[in-house]
């Protein structure tokens, strides 16, 4: 396989990294909102968040992407493939990250929450300044694993027409008839990306201060 073909795969991998990274960040932000809804004490919010999480955890990502890709135009909303892919991945990872964060929120020491209440913190201030940072620290390994899973799952966004690493490999195979070399190279690139994320995640975990004891 020539360097030109490999460089095309590397170029497409930048799209994979971009889509995955943005989806993970947006998903994390939404997951925090979902967790807040589950902890609000409001029955409607609690059930709404629960239904969202159940749906996006129970339906395959491929089906979710196809639903979004076909549903939005049906109601008069036309989005580029990039936006469709990011929306699909973000909603999916938000459901999983919300469940990861739930365990983190349960691990927040009650003493800190009570101290925040005594200091005059509002429920929102306690949530964002006390609960969220500690929950993120406690669930960091699970969040890193979710990031790796989304990087691998991003190969599915080719179904909505986005040319990322997997789609580029498929296109090149169709024109060069070199499936073994191209798919092996794509797999190697995925491996390097995921190993890099894992290493950076471990370094981040080691640099952060330890979670407070209960």
N, C-alpha and C. Protein backbone atom coordinates (compact mmCIF):
# COMPACT_ATOMS: atom_id res chain seq x y z
N UNK A 1 0.84 -1.19 0.00
CA UNK A 1 0.00 0.00 0.00
C UNK A 1 0.88 1.25 0.00
N UNK A 2 0.51 2.25 -0.79
CA UNK A 2 1.32 3.45 -0.93
C UNK A 2 1.07 4.42 0.22
N UNK A 3 2.02 5.33 0.38
CA UNK A 3 1.87 6.35 1.41
C UNK A 3 0.67 7.25 1.12
N UNK A 4 0.37 7.47 -0.15
CA UNK A 4 -0.77 8.32 -0.51
C UNK A 4 -2.06 7.75 0.05
N UNK A 5 -2.25 6.44 -0.09
CA UNK A 5 -3.46 5.81 0.44
C UNK A 5 -3.50 5.91 1.96
N UNK A 6 -2.37 5.67 2.60
CA UNK A 6 -2.32 5.74 4.05
C UNK A 6 -2.57 7.16 4.54
N UNK A 7 -2.06 8.15 3.79
CA UNK A 7 -2.28 9.54 4.18
C UNK A 7 -3.76 9.92 4.10
N UNK A 8 -4.47 9.33 3.15
CA UNK A 8 -5.91 9.58 3.04
C UNK A 8 -6.64 9.01 4.26
N UNK A 9 -6.18 7.86 4.73
CA UNK A 9 -6.77 7.29 5.94
C UNK A 9 -6.47 8.18 7.15
N UNK A 10 -5.25 8.68 7.24
CA UNK A 10 -4.89 9.56 8.35
C UNK A 10 -5.73 10.84 8.32
N UNK A 11 -5.95 11.37 7.13
CA UNK A 11 -6.77 12.57 7.00
C UNK A 11 -8.20 12.30 7.46
N UNK A 12 -8.73 11.16 7.07
CA UNK A 12 -10.09 10.80 7.48
C UNK A 12 -10.17 10.55 8.98
N UNK A 13 -9.08 10.09 9.57
CA UNK A 13 -9.08 9.84 11.01
C UNK A 13 -9.23 11.14 11.80
N UNK A 14 -8.83 12.27 11.22
CA UNK A 14 -9.04 13.55 11.89
C UNK A 14 -10.53 13.84 12.05
N UNK A 15 -11.32 13.46 11.04
CA UNK A 15 -12.76 13.61 11.15
C UNK A 15 -13.32 12.70 12.24
N UNK A 16 -12.79 11.48 12.31
CA UNK A 16 -13.21 10.55 13.37
C UNK A 16 -12.93 11.14 14.75
N UNK A 17 -11.73 11.69 14.93
CA UNK A 17 -11.35 12.27 16.22
C UNK A 17 -12.23 13.48 16.54
N UNK A 18 -12.46 14.33 15.56
CA UNK A 18 -13.26 15.54 15.77
C UNK A 18 -14.69 15.20 16.17
N UNK A 19 -15.32 14.32 15.40
CA UNK A 19 -16.71 13.94 15.67
C UNK A 19 -16.82 13.26 17.03
N UNK A 20 -15.88 12.37 17.33
CA UNK A 20 -15.93 11.65 18.60
C UNK A 20 -15.71 12.59 19.78
N UNK A 21 -14.71 13.45 19.69
CA UNK A 21 -14.39 14.35 20.80
C UNK A 21 -15.55 15.31 21.07
N UNK A 22 -16.10 15.90 20.03
CA UNK A 22 -17.20 16.84 20.22
C UNK A 22 -18.43 16.13 20.77
N UNK A 23 -18.70 14.93 20.28
CA UNK A 23 -19.86 14.17 20.76
C UNK A 23 -19.69 13.79 22.23
N UNK A 24 -18.49 13.42 22.62
CA UNK A 24 -18.23 13.05 24.01
C UNK A 24 -18.43 14.25 24.93
N UNK A 25 -17.94 15.42 24.53
CA UNK A 25 -18.09 16.62 25.36
C UNK A 25 -19.55 17.05 25.45
N UNK A 26 -20.25 17.07 24.32
CA UNK A 26 -21.66 17.43 24.34
C UNK A 26 -22.47 16.41 25.13
N UNK A 27 -22.12 15.14 24.94
CA UNK A 27 -22.81 14.08 25.67
C UNK A 27 -22.60 14.20 27.17
N UNK A 28 -21.39 14.57 27.58
CA UNK A 28 -21.10 14.73 29.00
C UNK A 28 -21.93 15.87 29.59
N UNK A 29 -22.00 16.98 28.86
CA UNK A 29 -22.80 18.12 29.34
C UNK A 29 -24.26 17.73 29.50
N UNK A 30 -24.79 17.00 28.51
CA UNK A 30 -26.18 16.56 28.58
C UNK A 30 -26.36 15.52 29.68
N UNK A 31 -25.36 14.68 29.88
CA UNK A 31 -25.44 13.66 30.93
C UNK A 31 -25.53 14.31 32.31
N UNK A 32 -24.82 15.41 32.51
CA UNK A 32 -24.90 16.12 33.78
C UNK A 32 -26.31 16.66 33.99
N UNK A 33 -26.91 17.18 32.91
CA UNK A 33 -28.29 17.66 32.99
C UNK A 33 -29.24 16.52 33.33
N UNK A 34 -29.06 15.39 32.66
CA UNK A 34 -29.90 14.23 32.92
C UNK A 34 -29.77 13.76 34.37
N UNK A 35 -28.55 13.77 34.87
CA UNK A 35 -28.33 13.37 36.26
C UNK A 35 -29.02 14.34 37.22
N UNK A 36 -28.96 15.63 36.89
CA UNK A 36 -29.66 16.61 37.70
C UNK A 36 -31.16 16.38 37.70
N UNK A 37 -31.71 16.02 36.55
CA UNK A 37 -33.13 15.71 36.46
C UNK A 37 -33.48 14.50 37.32
N UNK A 38 -32.60 13.51 37.32
CA UNK A 38 -32.86 12.30 38.12
C UNK A 38 -32.77 12.59 39.61
N UNK A 39 -32.02 13.62 39.99
CA UNK A 39 -31.82 13.93 41.40
C UNK A 39 -32.70 15.09 41.89
N UNK A 40 -33.51 15.65 40.99
CA UNK A 40 -34.25 16.86 41.33
C UNK A 40 -35.40 16.63 42.29
N UNK A 41 -35.91 15.40 42.35
CA UNK A 41 -37.08 15.14 43.18
C UNK A 41 -38.38 15.40 42.47
N UNK A 42 -38.32 15.99 41.27
CA UNK A 42 -39.50 16.22 40.45
C UNK A 42 -39.83 14.94 39.70
N UNK A 43 -41.03 14.41 39.89
CA UNK A 43 -41.37 13.12 39.30
C UNK A 43 -41.35 13.16 37.78
N UNK A 44 -41.83 14.26 37.20
CA UNK A 44 -41.87 14.36 35.73
C UNK A 44 -40.46 14.38 35.15
N UNK A 45 -39.57 15.17 35.77
CA UNK A 45 -38.19 15.23 35.31
C UNK A 45 -37.50 13.88 35.49
N UNK A 46 -37.75 13.25 36.63
CA UNK A 46 -37.14 11.95 36.92
C UNK A 46 -37.56 10.92 35.87
N UNK A 47 -38.84 10.86 35.58
CA UNK A 47 -39.33 9.89 34.61
C UNK A 47 -38.88 10.23 33.19
N UNK A 48 -38.86 11.53 32.86
CA UNK A 48 -38.41 11.92 31.53
C UNK A 48 -36.97 11.53 31.28
N UNK A 49 -36.11 11.78 32.26
CA UNK A 49 -34.70 11.39 32.12
C UNK A 49 -34.57 9.88 32.06
N UNK A 50 -35.37 9.17 32.85
CA UNK A 50 -35.32 7.72 32.85
C UNK A 50 -35.72 7.13 31.51
N UNK A 51 -36.76 7.70 30.89
CA UNK A 51 -37.21 7.23 29.58
C UNK A 51 -36.14 7.48 28.52
N UNK A 52 -35.53 8.66 28.58
CA UNK A 52 -34.47 8.99 27.62
C UNK A 52 -33.32 8.00 27.75
N UNK A 53 -32.87 7.77 28.96
CA UNK A 53 -31.74 6.86 29.19
C UNK A 53 -32.08 5.45 28.75
N UNK A 54 -33.28 5.00 29.07
CA UNK A 54 -33.69 3.64 28.70
C UNK A 54 -33.74 3.48 27.19
N UNK A 55 -34.25 4.49 26.49
CA UNK A 55 -34.37 4.40 25.03
C UNK A 55 -33.00 4.35 24.37
N UNK A 56 -32.13 5.29 24.73
CA UNK A 56 -30.85 5.38 24.03
C UNK A 56 -29.85 4.31 24.48
N UNK A 57 -30.11 3.69 25.62
CA UNK A 57 -29.29 2.55 26.01
C UNK A 57 -29.85 1.24 25.46
N UNK A 58 -31.12 1.24 25.13
CA UNK A 58 -31.76 0.01 24.68
C UNK A 58 -31.85 -0.17 23.18
N UNK A 59 -31.69 0.92 22.43
CA UNK A 59 -31.78 0.86 20.96
C UNK A 59 -30.37 0.93 20.38
N UNK A 60 -30.02 0.06 19.44
CA UNK A 60 -28.67 0.10 18.84
C UNK A 60 -28.35 1.46 18.24
N UNK A 61 -27.10 1.86 18.35
CA UNK A 61 -26.68 3.15 17.83
C UNK A 61 -26.95 3.27 16.34
N UNK A 62 -26.76 2.20 15.60
CA UNK A 62 -27.00 2.25 14.16
C UNK A 62 -28.45 2.62 13.87
N UNK A 63 -29.37 2.05 14.61
CA UNK A 63 -30.79 2.36 14.43
C UNK A 63 -31.06 3.81 14.82
N UNK A 64 -30.44 4.27 15.89
CA UNK A 64 -30.61 5.66 16.31
C UNK A 64 -30.16 6.63 15.21
N UNK A 65 -29.01 6.36 14.63
CA UNK A 65 -28.50 7.23 13.56
C UNK A 65 -29.44 7.24 12.36
N UNK A 66 -29.95 6.08 12.00
CA UNK A 66 -30.86 6.00 10.86
C UNK A 66 -32.18 6.71 11.16
N UNK A 67 -32.65 6.61 12.40
CA UNK A 67 -33.88 7.30 12.79
C UNK A 67 -33.70 8.81 12.69
N UNK A 68 -32.60 9.32 13.24
CA UNK A 68 -32.34 10.76 13.19
C UNK A 68 -32.17 11.23 11.75
N UNK A 69 -31.44 10.44 10.97
CA UNK A 69 -31.15 10.80 9.57
C UNK A 69 -32.42 10.88 8.74
N UNK A 70 -33.39 10.02 9.04
CA UNK A 70 -34.63 10.00 8.26
C UNK A 70 -35.76 10.80 8.89
N UNK A 71 -35.73 10.96 10.23
CA UNK A 71 -36.82 11.65 10.91
C UNK A 71 -36.74 13.16 10.72
N UNK A 72 -35.55 13.74 10.87
CA UNK A 72 -35.43 15.19 10.79
C UNK A 72 -35.90 15.75 9.45
N UNK A 73 -35.49 15.18 8.31
CA UNK A 73 -36.01 15.69 7.03
C UNK A 73 -37.52 15.54 6.91
N UNK A 74 -38.08 14.51 7.55
CA UNK A 74 -39.52 14.27 7.47
C UNK A 74 -40.31 15.38 8.15
N UNK A 75 -39.68 16.06 9.13
CA UNK A 75 -40.37 17.16 9.82
C UNK A 75 -39.84 18.51 9.35
N UNK A 76 -39.15 18.51 8.22
CA UNK A 76 -38.70 19.75 7.61
C UNK A 76 -37.38 20.28 8.09
N UNK A 77 -36.60 19.46 8.79
CA UNK A 77 -35.29 19.89 9.28
C UNK A 77 -34.21 19.17 8.49
N UNK A 78 -33.44 19.91 7.74
CA UNK A 78 -32.37 19.32 6.94
C UNK A 78 -31.02 19.72 7.53
N UNK A 79 -30.26 18.72 7.92
CA UNK A 79 -28.95 18.96 8.51
C UNK A 79 -27.87 18.25 7.70
N UNK A 80 -26.66 18.79 7.70
CA UNK A 80 -25.55 18.09 7.03
C UNK A 80 -25.22 16.80 7.77
N UNK A 81 -24.53 15.91 7.08
CA UNK A 81 -24.18 14.63 7.67
C UNK A 81 -23.38 14.78 8.96
N UNK A 82 -22.51 15.78 9.00
CA UNK A 82 -21.69 16.00 10.18
C UNK A 82 -22.55 16.28 11.41
N UNK A 83 -23.53 17.16 11.25
CA UNK A 83 -24.40 17.50 12.38
C UNK A 83 -25.23 16.30 12.80
N UNK A 84 -25.72 15.54 11.83
CA UNK A 84 -26.51 14.35 12.15
C UNK A 84 -25.68 13.35 12.95
N UNK A 85 -24.45 13.14 12.53
CA UNK A 85 -23.57 12.19 13.22
C UNK A 85 -23.29 12.65 14.64
N UNK A 86 -23.01 13.93 14.83
CA UNK A 86 -22.70 14.45 16.16
C UNK A 86 -23.92 14.35 17.08
N UNK A 87 -25.09 14.67 16.55
CA UNK A 87 -26.31 14.58 17.35
C UNK A 87 -26.54 13.14 17.80
N UNK A 88 -26.43 12.20 16.86
CA UNK A 88 -26.66 10.80 17.18
C UNK A 88 -25.69 10.27 18.22
N UNK A 89 -24.41 10.54 18.03
CA UNK A 89 -23.41 10.06 18.99
C UNK A 89 -23.56 10.74 20.35
N UNK A 90 -23.87 12.04 20.34
CA UNK A 90 -24.00 12.78 21.60
C UNK A 90 -25.15 12.26 22.44
N UNK A 91 -26.29 12.02 21.80
CA UNK A 91 -27.46 11.53 22.54
C UNK A 91 -27.20 10.13 23.10
N UNK A 92 -26.53 9.32 22.31
CA UNK A 92 -26.25 7.95 22.75
C UNK A 92 -25.29 7.94 23.93
N UNK A 93 -24.19 8.67 23.81
CA UNK A 93 -23.21 8.65 24.89
C UNK A 93 -23.73 9.36 26.13
N UNK A 94 -24.64 10.33 25.96
CA UNK A 94 -25.22 11.02 27.12
C UNK A 94 -25.95 10.03 28.01
N UNK A 95 -26.67 9.10 27.41
CA UNK A 95 -27.42 8.12 28.19
C UNK A 95 -26.47 7.24 29.01
N UNK A 96 -25.39 6.81 28.39
CA UNK A 96 -24.43 5.95 29.10
C UNK A 96 -23.65 6.73 30.16
N UNK A 97 -23.26 7.96 29.81
CA UNK A 97 -22.50 8.75 30.77
C UNK A 97 -23.37 9.15 31.96
N UNK A 98 -24.65 9.35 31.73
CA UNK A 98 -25.55 9.69 32.83
C UNK A 98 -25.61 8.55 33.84
N UNK A 99 -25.63 7.32 33.36
CA UNK A 99 -25.64 6.17 34.26
C UNK A 99 -24.30 6.04 34.99
N UNK A 100 -23.21 6.35 34.30
CA UNK A 100 -21.91 6.33 34.98
C UNK A 100 -21.85 7.39 36.08
N UNK A 101 -22.37 8.57 35.77
CA UNK A 101 -22.33 9.66 36.73
C UNK A 101 -23.23 9.39 37.94
N UNK A 102 -24.28 8.62 37.73
CA UNK A 102 -25.18 8.32 38.85
C UNK A 102 -24.41 7.65 39.98
N UNK A 103 -23.53 6.72 39.63
CA UNK A 103 -22.71 6.08 40.64
C UNK A 103 -21.78 7.07 41.32
N UNK A 104 -21.28 8.03 40.55
CA UNK A 104 -20.41 9.05 41.12
C UNK A 104 -21.16 9.95 42.09
N UNK A 105 -22.36 10.34 41.73
CA UNK A 105 -23.15 11.21 42.61
C UNK A 105 -23.51 10.49 43.90
N UNK A 106 -23.74 9.20 43.81
CA UNK A 106 -24.04 8.44 45.02
C UNK A 106 -22.84 8.35 45.95
N UNK A 107 -21.63 8.55 45.38
CA UNK A 107 -20.42 8.48 46.19
C UNK A 107 -20.00 9.81 46.79
N UNK A 108 -20.75 10.88 46.51
CA UNK A 108 -20.41 12.19 47.08
C UNK A 108 -20.67 12.16 48.58
N UNK A 109 -19.68 12.50 49.39
CA UNK A 109 -19.87 12.48 50.86
C UNK A 109 -21.02 13.38 51.29
N UNK A 110 -21.88 12.86 52.13
CA UNK A 110 -23.02 13.64 52.61
C UNK A 110 -22.57 14.86 53.40
N UNK A 111 -21.45 14.69 54.09
CA UNK A 111 -20.96 15.80 54.91
C UNK A 111 -20.68 17.05 54.09
N UNK A 112 -20.15 16.87 52.88
CA UNK A 112 -19.87 18.02 52.02
C UNK A 112 -21.15 18.71 51.58
N UNK A 113 -22.15 17.90 51.24
CA UNK A 113 -23.43 18.46 50.82
C UNK A 113 -24.08 19.22 51.97
N UNK A 114 -24.03 18.64 53.16
CA UNK A 114 -24.61 19.30 54.32
C UNK A 114 -23.85 20.59 54.65
N UNK A 115 -22.54 20.56 54.49
CA UNK A 115 -21.74 21.78 54.74
C UNK A 115 -22.11 22.88 53.75
N UNK A 116 -22.33 22.48 52.49
CA UNK A 116 -22.72 23.46 51.48
C UNK A 116 -24.08 24.07 51.81
N UNK A 117 -25.00 23.24 52.29
CA UNK A 117 -26.31 23.75 52.68
C UNK A 117 -26.19 24.74 53.84
N UNK A 118 -25.34 24.40 54.81
CA UNK A 118 -25.15 25.28 55.97
C UNK A 118 -24.48 26.59 55.57
N UNK A 119 -23.66 26.52 54.50
CA UNK A 119 -22.97 27.73 54.03
C UNK A 119 -23.87 28.61 53.18
N UNK A 120 -25.10 28.16 52.94
CA UNK A 120 -26.05 28.97 52.18
C UNK A 120 -26.05 28.72 50.69
N UNK A 121 -25.43 27.61 50.27
CA UNK A 121 -25.45 27.28 48.86
C UNK A 121 -26.87 26.93 48.43
N UNK A 122 -27.25 27.35 47.24
CA UNK A 122 -28.52 26.93 46.67
C UNK A 122 -28.37 25.50 46.17
N UNK A 123 -29.47 24.78 45.93
CA UNK A 123 -29.36 23.41 45.38
C UNK A 123 -28.57 23.36 44.08
N UNK A 124 -28.75 24.37 43.22
CA UNK A 124 -28.02 24.40 41.96
C UNK A 124 -26.53 24.60 42.20
N UNK A 125 -26.18 25.50 43.12
CA UNK A 125 -24.77 25.73 43.43
C UNK A 125 -24.13 24.49 44.04
N UNK A 126 -24.85 23.83 44.91
CA UNK A 126 -24.33 22.59 45.50
C UNK A 126 -24.11 21.53 44.44
N UNK A 127 -25.05 21.46 43.49
CA UNK A 127 -24.95 20.45 42.44
C UNK A 127 -23.74 20.69 41.55
N UNK A 128 -23.58 21.93 41.07
CA UNK A 128 -22.52 22.21 40.10
C UNK A 128 -21.16 22.43 40.73
N UNK A 129 -21.11 22.91 41.96
CA UNK A 129 -19.82 23.22 42.59
C UNK A 129 -19.32 22.13 43.53
N UNK A 130 -20.21 21.28 43.99
CA UNK A 130 -19.81 20.22 44.91
C UNK A 130 -20.01 18.83 44.29
N UNK A 131 -21.23 18.55 43.90
CA UNK A 131 -21.56 17.21 43.43
C UNK A 131 -20.88 16.86 42.10
N UNK A 132 -20.99 17.76 41.12
CA UNK A 132 -20.47 17.46 39.78
C UNK A 132 -18.96 17.22 39.77
N UNK A 133 -18.13 18.11 40.35
CA UNK A 133 -16.67 17.85 40.32
C UNK A 133 -16.28 16.53 40.97
N UNK A 134 -16.91 16.21 42.11
CA UNK A 134 -16.57 14.97 42.79
C UNK A 134 -17.04 13.76 42.00
N UNK A 135 -18.26 13.85 41.43
CA UNK A 135 -18.78 12.74 40.64
C UNK A 135 -17.91 12.49 39.41
N UNK A 136 -17.43 13.56 38.77
CA UNK A 136 -16.56 13.39 37.61
C UNK A 136 -15.25 12.72 38.01
N UNK A 137 -14.72 13.10 39.16
CA UNK A 137 -13.47 12.48 39.63
C UNK A 137 -13.67 11.00 39.92
N UNK A 138 -14.79 10.67 40.56
CA UNK A 138 -15.03 9.28 40.94
C UNK A 138 -15.30 8.39 39.73
N UNK A 139 -15.88 8.95 38.69
CA UNK A 139 -16.27 8.15 37.52
C UNK A 139 -15.33 8.33 36.33
N UNK A 140 -14.19 8.98 36.55
CA UNK A 140 -13.28 9.25 35.43
C UNK A 140 -12.89 7.99 34.65
N UNK A 141 -12.52 6.88 35.31
CA UNK A 141 -12.18 5.68 34.53
C UNK A 141 -13.33 5.21 33.62
N UNK A 142 -14.55 5.26 34.15
CA UNK A 142 -15.71 4.84 33.35
C UNK A 142 -15.95 5.81 32.20
N UNK A 143 -15.72 7.10 32.42
CA UNK A 143 -15.89 8.09 31.37
C UNK A 143 -14.84 7.91 30.28
N UNK A 144 -13.62 7.57 30.66
CA UNK A 144 -12.57 7.32 29.68
C UNK A 144 -12.93 6.09 28.83
N UNK A 145 -13.43 5.05 29.48
CA UNK A 145 -13.86 3.86 28.74
C UNK A 145 -14.98 4.20 27.76
N UNK A 146 -15.90 5.06 28.19
CA UNK A 146 -17.00 5.47 27.30
C UNK A 146 -16.46 6.26 26.11
N UNK A 147 -15.44 7.08 26.34
CA UNK A 147 -14.83 7.83 25.24
C UNK A 147 -14.23 6.88 24.21
N UNK A 148 -13.58 5.83 24.67
CA UNK A 148 -13.00 4.85 23.76
C UNK A 148 -14.10 4.11 22.98
N UNK A 149 -15.18 3.78 23.67
CA UNK A 149 -16.29 3.10 23.01
C UNK A 149 -16.90 3.99 21.92
N UNK A 150 -17.02 5.27 22.20
CA UNK A 150 -17.59 6.19 21.20
C UNK A 150 -16.64 6.34 20.01
N UNK A 151 -15.34 6.37 20.27
CA UNK A 151 -14.38 6.43 19.16
C UNK A 151 -14.56 5.23 18.23
N UNK A 152 -14.75 4.06 18.80
CA UNK A 152 -14.96 2.86 17.97
C UNK A 152 -16.33 2.88 17.31
N UNK A 153 -17.34 3.34 18.06
CA UNK A 153 -18.69 3.37 17.51
C UNK A 153 -18.84 4.42 16.42
N UNK A 154 -17.94 5.39 16.37
CA UNK A 154 -18.03 6.43 15.35
C UNK A 154 -17.92 5.87 13.94
N UNK A 155 -17.43 4.64 13.82
CA UNK A 155 -17.37 4.02 12.49
C UNK A 155 -18.76 3.84 11.89
N UNK A 156 -19.80 3.85 12.73
CA UNK A 156 -21.16 3.66 12.26
C UNK A 156 -21.73 4.91 11.58
N UNK A 157 -21.12 6.07 11.80
CA UNK A 157 -21.70 7.29 11.24
C UNK A 157 -21.55 7.34 9.72
N UNK A 158 -20.83 6.41 9.16
CA UNK A 158 -20.74 6.36 7.69
C UNK A 158 -22.11 6.12 7.06
N UNK A 159 -23.06 5.56 7.83
CA UNK A 159 -24.38 5.28 7.27
C UNK A 159 -25.15 6.56 6.97
N UNK A 160 -24.75 7.69 7.57
CA UNK A 160 -25.42 8.95 7.28
C UNK A 160 -24.62 9.77 6.27
N UNK A 161 -23.63 9.15 5.65
CA UNK A 161 -22.90 9.79 4.56
C UNK A 161 -21.66 10.55 4.96
N UNK A 162 -21.25 10.45 6.22
CA UNK A 162 -20.05 11.16 6.66
C UNK A 162 -18.81 10.34 6.32
N UNK A 163 -17.85 10.97 5.70
CA UNK A 163 -16.62 10.28 5.31
C UNK A 163 -15.61 10.39 6.45
N UNK A 164 -15.61 9.39 7.32
CA UNK A 164 -14.62 9.30 8.38
C UNK A 164 -13.69 8.13 8.06
N UNK A 165 -12.99 7.63 9.04
CA UNK A 165 -11.95 6.64 8.78
C UNK A 165 -12.49 5.37 8.13
N UNK A 166 -13.57 4.82 8.68
CA UNK A 166 -14.11 3.58 8.12
C UNK A 166 -14.66 3.79 6.72
N UNK A 167 -15.39 4.88 6.52
CA UNK A 167 -15.95 5.15 5.18
C UNK A 167 -14.85 5.37 4.16
N UNK A 168 -13.77 6.06 4.55
CA UNK A 168 -12.65 6.27 3.64
C UNK A 168 -12.02 4.94 3.27
N UNK A 169 -11.84 4.06 4.25
CA UNK A 169 -11.27 2.74 3.96
C UNK A 169 -12.16 1.98 2.99
N UNK A 170 -13.47 2.05 3.18
CA UNK A 170 -14.39 1.36 2.27
C UNK A 170 -14.29 1.93 0.86
N UNK A 171 -14.23 3.25 0.77
CA UNK A 171 -14.12 3.88 -0.55
C UNK A 171 -12.83 3.49 -1.26
N UNK A 172 -11.74 3.47 -0.51
CA UNK A 172 -10.46 3.11 -1.11
C UNK A 172 -10.41 1.65 -1.52
N UNK A 173 -11.02 0.78 -0.72
CA UNK A 173 -11.08 -0.64 -1.09
C UNK A 173 -11.84 -0.82 -2.38
N UNK A 174 -12.93 -0.07 -2.55
CA UNK A 174 -13.75 -0.19 -3.76
C UNK A 174 -12.98 0.22 -5.01
N UNK A 175 -12.01 1.13 -4.85
CA UNK A 175 -11.28 1.62 -6.03
C UNK A 175 -9.93 0.95 -6.24
N UNK A 176 -9.36 0.34 -5.18
CA UNK A 176 -8.03 -0.26 -5.30
C UNK A 176 -8.03 -1.78 -5.17
N UNK A 177 -9.12 -2.34 -4.64
CA UNK A 177 -9.22 -3.79 -4.40
C UNK A 177 -8.06 -4.28 -3.53
N UNK A 178 -7.83 -3.52 -2.44
CA UNK A 178 -6.80 -3.90 -1.47
C UNK A 178 -7.42 -3.95 -0.07
N UNK A 179 -8.38 -4.83 0.15
CA UNK A 179 -9.10 -4.82 1.44
C UNK A 179 -8.22 -5.14 2.63
N UNK A 180 -7.34 -6.11 2.50
CA UNK A 180 -6.52 -6.52 3.64
C UNK A 180 -5.64 -5.38 4.12
N UNK A 181 -4.92 -4.75 3.20
CA UNK A 181 -3.99 -3.68 3.57
C UNK A 181 -4.71 -2.47 4.14
N UNK A 182 -5.83 -2.09 3.49
CA UNK A 182 -6.52 -0.88 3.89
C UNK A 182 -7.27 -1.05 5.21
N UNK A 183 -7.96 -2.17 5.37
CA UNK A 183 -8.69 -2.38 6.62
C UNK A 183 -7.73 -2.61 7.78
N UNK A 184 -6.61 -3.27 7.51
CA UNK A 184 -5.61 -3.44 8.57
C UNK A 184 -5.01 -2.09 8.98
N UNK A 185 -4.78 -1.24 8.01
CA UNK A 185 -4.24 0.09 8.31
C UNK A 185 -5.25 0.92 9.09
N UNK A 186 -6.52 0.84 8.70
CA UNK A 186 -7.57 1.56 9.44
C UNK A 186 -7.66 1.05 10.87
N UNK A 187 -7.57 -0.27 11.03
CA UNK A 187 -7.61 -0.85 12.37
C UNK A 187 -6.43 -0.39 13.21
N UNK A 188 -5.26 -0.29 12.60
CA UNK A 188 -4.07 0.17 13.31
C UNK A 188 -4.25 1.62 13.77
N UNK A 189 -4.83 2.45 12.92
CA UNK A 189 -5.05 3.85 13.28
C UNK A 189 -6.03 3.95 14.45
N UNK A 190 -7.12 3.18 14.38
CA UNK A 190 -8.07 3.15 15.50
C UNK A 190 -7.36 2.74 16.79
N UNK A 191 -6.52 1.72 16.70
CA UNK A 191 -5.81 1.22 17.87
C UNK A 191 -4.92 2.29 18.48
N UNK A 192 -4.18 3.00 17.64
CA UNK A 192 -3.29 4.05 18.13
C UNK A 192 -4.09 5.16 18.80
N UNK A 193 -5.20 5.55 18.19
CA UNK A 193 -6.03 6.61 18.77
C UNK A 193 -6.56 6.19 20.14
N UNK A 194 -7.09 4.98 20.22
CA UNK A 194 -7.68 4.51 21.47
C UNK A 194 -6.63 4.31 22.56
N UNK A 195 -5.46 3.81 22.19
CA UNK A 195 -4.39 3.67 23.17
C UNK A 195 -3.95 5.04 23.69
N UNK A 196 -3.91 6.01 22.80
CA UNK A 196 -3.54 7.37 23.21
C UNK A 196 -4.54 7.93 24.21
N UNK A 197 -5.83 7.73 23.92
CA UNK A 197 -6.88 8.20 24.84
C UNK A 197 -6.75 7.50 26.20
N UNK A 198 -6.48 6.20 26.18
CA UNK A 198 -6.35 5.45 27.43
C UNK A 198 -5.17 5.96 28.25
N UNK A 199 -4.03 6.21 27.59
CA UNK A 199 -2.85 6.70 28.29
C UNK A 199 -3.10 8.10 28.87
N UNK A 200 -3.68 8.98 28.06
CA UNK A 200 -3.98 10.33 28.54
C UNK A 200 -4.97 10.29 29.70
N UNK A 201 -5.94 9.37 29.61
CA UNK A 201 -6.91 9.23 30.70
C UNK A 201 -6.26 8.80 31.99
N UNK A 202 -5.32 7.85 31.91
CA UNK A 202 -4.62 7.40 33.12
C UNK A 202 -3.76 8.51 33.71
N UNK A 203 -3.11 9.28 32.85
CA UNK A 203 -2.30 10.38 33.33
C UNK A 203 -3.16 11.44 34.02
N UNK A 204 -4.32 11.72 33.42
CA UNK A 204 -5.23 12.70 34.03
C UNK A 204 -5.71 12.21 35.38
N UNK A 205 -6.03 10.93 35.47
CA UNK A 205 -6.50 10.36 36.73
C UNK A 205 -5.43 10.46 37.82
N UNK A 206 -4.17 10.27 37.44
CA UNK A 206 -3.07 10.31 38.41
C UNK A 206 -2.79 11.76 38.86
N UNK A 207 -3.05 12.72 37.97
CA UNK A 207 -2.75 14.11 38.29
C UNK A 207 -3.82 14.74 39.16
N UNK A 208 -5.06 14.26 39.03
CA UNK A 208 -6.14 14.85 39.81
C UNK A 208 -6.01 14.47 41.27
N UNK A 209 -6.40 15.36 42.16
CA UNK A 209 -6.36 15.03 43.58
C UNK A 209 -7.35 13.92 43.91
N UNK A 210 -7.05 13.15 44.91
CA UNK A 210 -7.91 12.04 45.29
C UNK A 210 -9.28 12.53 45.72
N UNK A 211 -10.28 11.67 45.52
CA UNK A 211 -11.63 12.01 45.95
C UNK A 211 -11.70 12.03 47.47
N UNK A 212 -12.50 12.91 48.03
CA UNK A 212 -12.61 12.97 49.49
C UNK A 212 -13.18 11.70 50.04
N UNK A 213 -12.74 11.33 51.21
CA UNK A 213 -13.27 10.12 51.86
C UNK A 213 -14.64 10.41 52.43
N UNK A 214 -15.46 9.36 52.50
CA UNK A 214 -16.78 9.52 53.06
C UNK A 214 -16.68 9.71 54.58
